[in-house]
């Protein structure tokens, strides 16, 4: 199988359907995570994606005994986004995520606009067949 035959993360990506604002509460983020059955959300401000908030971030805040109705997303989000493009191969995306010890990767279009978030679980799911 040649490099051009490898599956791309754009083939697995669902469009961005849910996001939160930096000023939203952690409870609002939790509601979106639950309603959309996802593990991470893009944090969007007027100039585009400014972060990513995951269920692990919510757990950390709760473990510290903080109030999810008071705590804001921007205090818990990951602001330094690691990204890949729609054309990034699945093996390259997995390698990038493992090397950086992350479970969610922001996927961008060729112009740098956010296209969605892909999880490591989705990339290694049984419906993606990689060459031996």
C-alpha atoms as a PDB file:
ATOM      1  CA  UNK A   1       0.000   0.000   0.000  1.00  0.00           C
ATOM      2  CA  UNK A   2       1.443   3.384  -0.968  1.00  0.00           C
ATOM      3  CA  UNK A   3       1.373   6.530   1.140  1.00  0.00           C
ATOM      4  CA  UNK A   4      -1.400   7.917  -1.053  1.00  0.00           C
ATOM      5  CA  UNK A   5      -3.571   4.900  -0.197  1.00  0.00           C
ATOM      6  CA  UNK A   6      -3.407   5.455   3.575  1.00  0.00           C
ATOM      7  CA  UNK A   7      -6.610   6.665   5.222  1.00  0.00           C
ATOM      8  CA  UNK A   8      -6.732  10.374   6.052  1.00  0.00           C
ATOM      9  CA  UNK A   9      -8.184  11.842   9.228  1.00  0.00           C
ATOM     10  CA  UNK A  10     -10.503  13.956   7.109  1.00  0.00           C
ATOM     11  CA  UNK A  11     -12.253  10.715   6.113  1.00  0.00           C
ATOM     12  CA  UNK A  12     -13.126  10.022   9.763  1.00  0.00           C
ATOM     13  CA  UNK A  13     -13.971  13.489  10.959  1.00  0.00           C
ATOM     14  CA  UNK A  14     -17.463  14.525  11.886  1.00  0.00           C
ATOM     15  CA  UNK A  15     -18.036  18.238  11.327  1.00  0.00           C
ATOM     16  CA  UNK A  16     -17.778  20.551  14.316  1.00  0.00           C
ATOM     17  CA  UNK A  17     -21.214  20.535  15.892  1.00  0.00           C
ATOM     18  CA  UNK A  18     -20.538  21.735  19.406  1.00  0.00           C
ATOM     19  CA  UNK A  19     -18.209  24.254  20.881  1.00  0.00           C
ATOM     20  CA  UNK A  20     -18.005  26.502  23.895  1.00  0.00           C
ATOM     21  CA  UNK A  21     -16.810  30.025  24.540  1.00  0.00           C
ATOM     22  CA  UNK A  22     -13.907  30.821  26.868  1.00  0.00           C
ATOM     23  CA  UNK A  23     -16.317  32.561  29.249  1.00  0.00           C
ATOM     24  CA  UNK A  24     -18.698  29.581  29.494  1.00  0.00           C
ATOM     25  CA  UNK A  25     -18.823  27.643  32.749  1.00  0.00           C
ATOM     26  CA  UNK A  26     -17.477  24.150  33.118  1.00  0.00           C
ATOM     27  CA  UNK A  27     -21.052  22.963  33.661  1.00  0.00           C
ATOM     28  CA  UNK A  28     -21.995  24.341  30.227  1.00  0.00           C
ATOM     29  CA  UNK A  29     -19.041  22.469  28.721  1.00  0.00           C
ATOM     30  CA  UNK A  30     -20.110  19.273  30.493  1.00  0.00           C
ATOM     31  CA  UNK A  31     -23.649  19.628  29.125  1.00  0.00           C
ATOM     32  CA  UNK A  32     -22.288  19.947  25.556  1.00  0.00           C
ATOM     33  CA  UNK A  33     -19.921  16.996  26.008  1.00  0.00           C
ATOM     34  CA  UNK A  34     -22.770  14.832  27.255  1.00  0.00           C
ATOM     35  CA  UNK A  35     -25.351  15.938  24.689  1.00  0.00           C
ATOM     36  CA  UNK A  36     -22.989  15.416  21.752  1.00  0.00           C
ATOM     37  CA  UNK A  37     -21.364  12.224  23.083  1.00  0.00           C
ATOM     38  CA  UNK A  38     -17.861  13.602  22.614  1.00  0.00           C
ATOM     39  CA  UNK A  39     -14.789  13.752  24.833  1.00  0.00           C
ATOM     40  CA  UNK A  40     -13.547  17.215  23.882  1.00  0.00           C
ATOM     41  CA  UNK A  41     -14.856  20.517  22.554  1.00  0.00           C
ATOM     42  CA  UNK A  42     -13.285  23.334  20.631  1.00  0.00           C
ATOM     43  CA  UNK A  43     -13.225  26.608  22.513  1.00  0.00           C
ATOM     44  CA  UNK A  44     -14.199  29.301  20.027  1.00  0.00           C
ATOM     45  CA  UNK A  45     -13.776  33.052  20.343  1.00  0.00           C
ATOM     46  CA  UNK A  46     -14.433  35.763  17.771  1.00  0.00           C
ATOM     47  CA  UNK A  47     -11.125  35.019  16.046  1.00  0.00           C
ATOM     48  CA  UNK A  48     -11.524  31.255  15.803  1.00  0.00           C
ATOM     49  CA  UNK A  49     -10.393  28.310  17.905  1.00  0.00           C
ATOM     50  CA  UNK A  50      -8.540  29.430  21.014  1.00  0.00           C
ATOM     51  CA  UNK A  51      -8.452  26.164  22.923  1.00  0.00           C
ATOM     52  CA  UNK A  52      -9.744  22.702  23.622  1.00  0.00           C
ATOM     53  CA  UNK A  53     -11.566  21.506  26.735  1.00  0.00           C
ATOM     54  CA  UNK A  54     -11.831  17.810  27.485  1.00  0.00           C
ATOM     55  CA  UNK A  55     -13.625  15.623  29.945  1.00  0.00           C
ATOM     56  CA  UNK A  56     -10.274  15.114  31.681  1.00  0.00           C
ATOM     57  CA  UNK A  57     -10.078  18.872  32.272  1.00  0.00           C
ATOM     58  CA  UNK A  58     -13.492  18.757  33.928  1.00  0.00           C
ATOM     59  CA  UNK A  59     -12.444  15.853  36.135  1.00  0.00           C
ATOM     60  CA  UNK A  60      -9.317  17.738  37.246  1.00  0.00           C
ATOM     61  CA  UNK A  61     -11.383  20.760  38.276  1.00  0.00           C
ATOM     62  CA  UNK A  62     -13.861  18.607  40.198  1.00  0.00           C
ATOM     63  CA  UNK A  63     -11.020  16.733  41.904  1.00  0.00           C
ATOM     64  CA  UNK A  64      -9.838  20.095  43.203  1.00  0.00           C
ATOM     65  CA  UNK A  65     -13.296  20.698  44.667  1.00  0.00           C
ATOM     66  CA  UNK A  66     -14.129  23.623  42.403  1.00  0.00           C
ATOM     67  CA  UNK A  67     -17.656  24.703  41.485  1.00  0.00           C
ATOM     68  CA  UNK A  68     -18.485  23.901  37.831  1.00  0.00           C
ATOM     69  CA  UNK A  69     -21.135  26.639  37.879  1.00  0.00           C
ATOM     70  CA  UNK A  70     -18.485  29.243  38.682  1.00  0.00           C
ATOM     71  CA  UNK A  71     -15.302  27.994  37.017  1.00  0.00           C
ATOM     72  CA  UNK A  72     -14.790  29.193  33.450  1.00  0.00           C
ATOM     73  CA  UNK A  73     -13.640  27.169  30.476  1.00  0.00           C
ATOM     74  CA  UNK A  74     -10.696  29.491  29.784  1.00  0.00           C
ATOM     75  CA  UNK A  75      -9.182  28.621  33.161  1.00  0.00           C
ATOM     76  CA  UNK A  76      -9.086  24.896  32.331  1.00  0.00           C
ATOM     77  CA  UNK A  77      -8.769  24.595  28.544  1.00  0.00           C
ATOM     78  CA  UNK A  78      -5.626  23.689  26.673  1.00  0.00           C
ATOM     79  CA  UNK A  79      -4.685  26.878  24.867  1.00  0.00           C
ATOM     80  CA  UNK A  80      -1.696  25.565  22.920  1.00  0.00           C
ATOM     81  CA  UNK A  81      -3.446  23.562  20.237  1.00  0.00           C
ATOM     82  CA  UNK A  82      -1.715  20.753  18.452  1.00  0.00           C
ATOM     83  CA  UNK A  83      -3.232  20.494  14.988  1.00  0.00           C
ATOM     84  CA  UNK A  84      -3.228  18.354  11.886  1.00  0.00           C
ATOM     85  CA  UNK A  85      -4.844  18.917   8.519  1.00  0.00           C
ATOM     86  CA  UNK A  86      -7.641  16.971   6.884  1.00  0.00           C
ATOM     87  CA  UNK A  87      -5.014  15.334   4.653  1.00  0.00           C
ATOM     88  CA  UNK A  88      -2.886  14.017   7.526  1.00  0.00           C
ATOM     89  CA  UNK A  89      -2.718  10.229   7.376  1.00  0.00           C
ATOM     90  CA  UNK A  90      -4.182   8.211  10.234  1.00  0.00           C
ATOM     91  CA  UNK A  91      -0.800   6.672  11.140  1.00  0.00           C
ATOM     92  CA  UNK A  92       0.844  10.126  11.205  1.00  0.00           C
ATOM     93  CA  UNK A  93      -1.945  11.498  13.415  1.00  0.00           C
ATOM     94  CA  UNK A  94      -1.652   8.572  15.829  1.00  0.00           C
ATOM     95  CA  UNK A  95       2.114   9.037  16.013  1.00  0.00           C
ATOM     96  CA  UNK A  96       1.692  12.778  16.698  1.00  0.00           C
ATOM     97  CA  UNK A  97      -0.855  12.135  19.444  1.00  0.00           C
ATOM     98  CA  UNK A  98       1.210   9.422  21.111  1.00  0.00           C
ATOM     99  CA  UNK A  99       4.391  11.515  20.979  1.00  0.00           C
ATOM    100  CA  UNK A 100       2.595  14.409  22.666  1.00  0.00           C
ATOM    101  CA  UNK A 101       0.528  12.243  25.053  1.00  0.00           C
ATOM    102  CA  UNK A 102      -2.815  13.676  23.937  1.00  0.00           C
ATOM    103  CA  UNK A 103      -6.147  12.009  23.234  1.00  0.00           C
ATOM    104  CA  UNK A 104      -7.760  14.675  21.021  1.00  0.00           C
ATOM    105  CA  UNK A 105      -6.344  16.406  17.977  1.00  0.00           C
ATOM    106  CA  UNK A 106      -7.710  19.567  16.395  1.00  0.00           C
ATOM    107  CA  UNK A 107      -8.095  19.140  12.652  1.00  0.00           C
ATOM    108  CA  UNK A 108      -7.860  22.171  10.379  1.00  0.00           C
ATOM    109  CA  UNK A 109      -8.648  22.921   6.782  1.00  0.00           C
ATOM    110  CA  UNK A 110      -5.958  23.920   4.292  1.00  0.00           C
ATOM    111  CA  UNK A 111      -6.640  27.553   5.249  1.00  0.00           C
ATOM    112  CA  UNK A 112      -6.140  26.852   8.949  1.00  0.00           C
ATOM    113  CA  UNK A 113      -9.789  27.019   9.974  1.00  0.00           C
ATOM    114  CA  UNK A 114     -10.935  24.388  12.492  1.00  0.00           C
ATOM    115  CA  UNK A 115     -12.728  21.488  10.836  1.00  0.00           C
ATOM    116  CA  UNK A 116     -13.244  19.402  13.952  1.00  0.00           C
ATOM    117  CA  UNK A 117     -11.638  17.289  16.622  1.00  0.00           C
ATOM    118  CA  UNK A 118     -10.611  13.670  16.238  1.00  0.00           C
ATOM    119  CA  UNK A 119     -10.001  11.312  19.137  1.00  0.00           C
ATOM    120  CA  UNK A 120      -7.297   8.708  19.420  1.00  0.00           C
ATOM    121  CA  UNK A 121     -10.053   6.162  20.056  1.00  0.00           C
ATOM    122  CA  UNK A 122     -11.655   7.039  16.698  1.00  0.00           C
ATOM    123  CA  UNK A 123      -8.335   6.723  14.887  1.00  0.00           C
ATOM    124  CA  UNK A 124      -7.609   3.266  16.261  1.00  0.00           C
ATOM    125  CA  UNK A 125     -11.200   2.024  15.934  1.00  0.00           C
ATOM    126  CA  UNK A 126     -11.857  -1.192  14.065  1.00  0.00           C
ATOM    127  CA  UNK A 127     -13.382   0.603  11.088  1.00  0.00           C
ATOM    128  CA  UNK A 128      -9.991   2.010  10.092  1.00  0.00           C
ATOM    129  CA  UNK A 129      -7.873  -0.617   8.401  1.00  0.00           C
ATOM    130  CA  UNK A 130      -4.192   0.177   8.317  1.00  0.00           C
ATOM    131  CA  UNK A 131      -1.617  -1.690   6.256  1.00  0.00           C
ATOM    132  CA  UNK A 132       0.401  -4.347   8.086  1.00  0.00           C
END
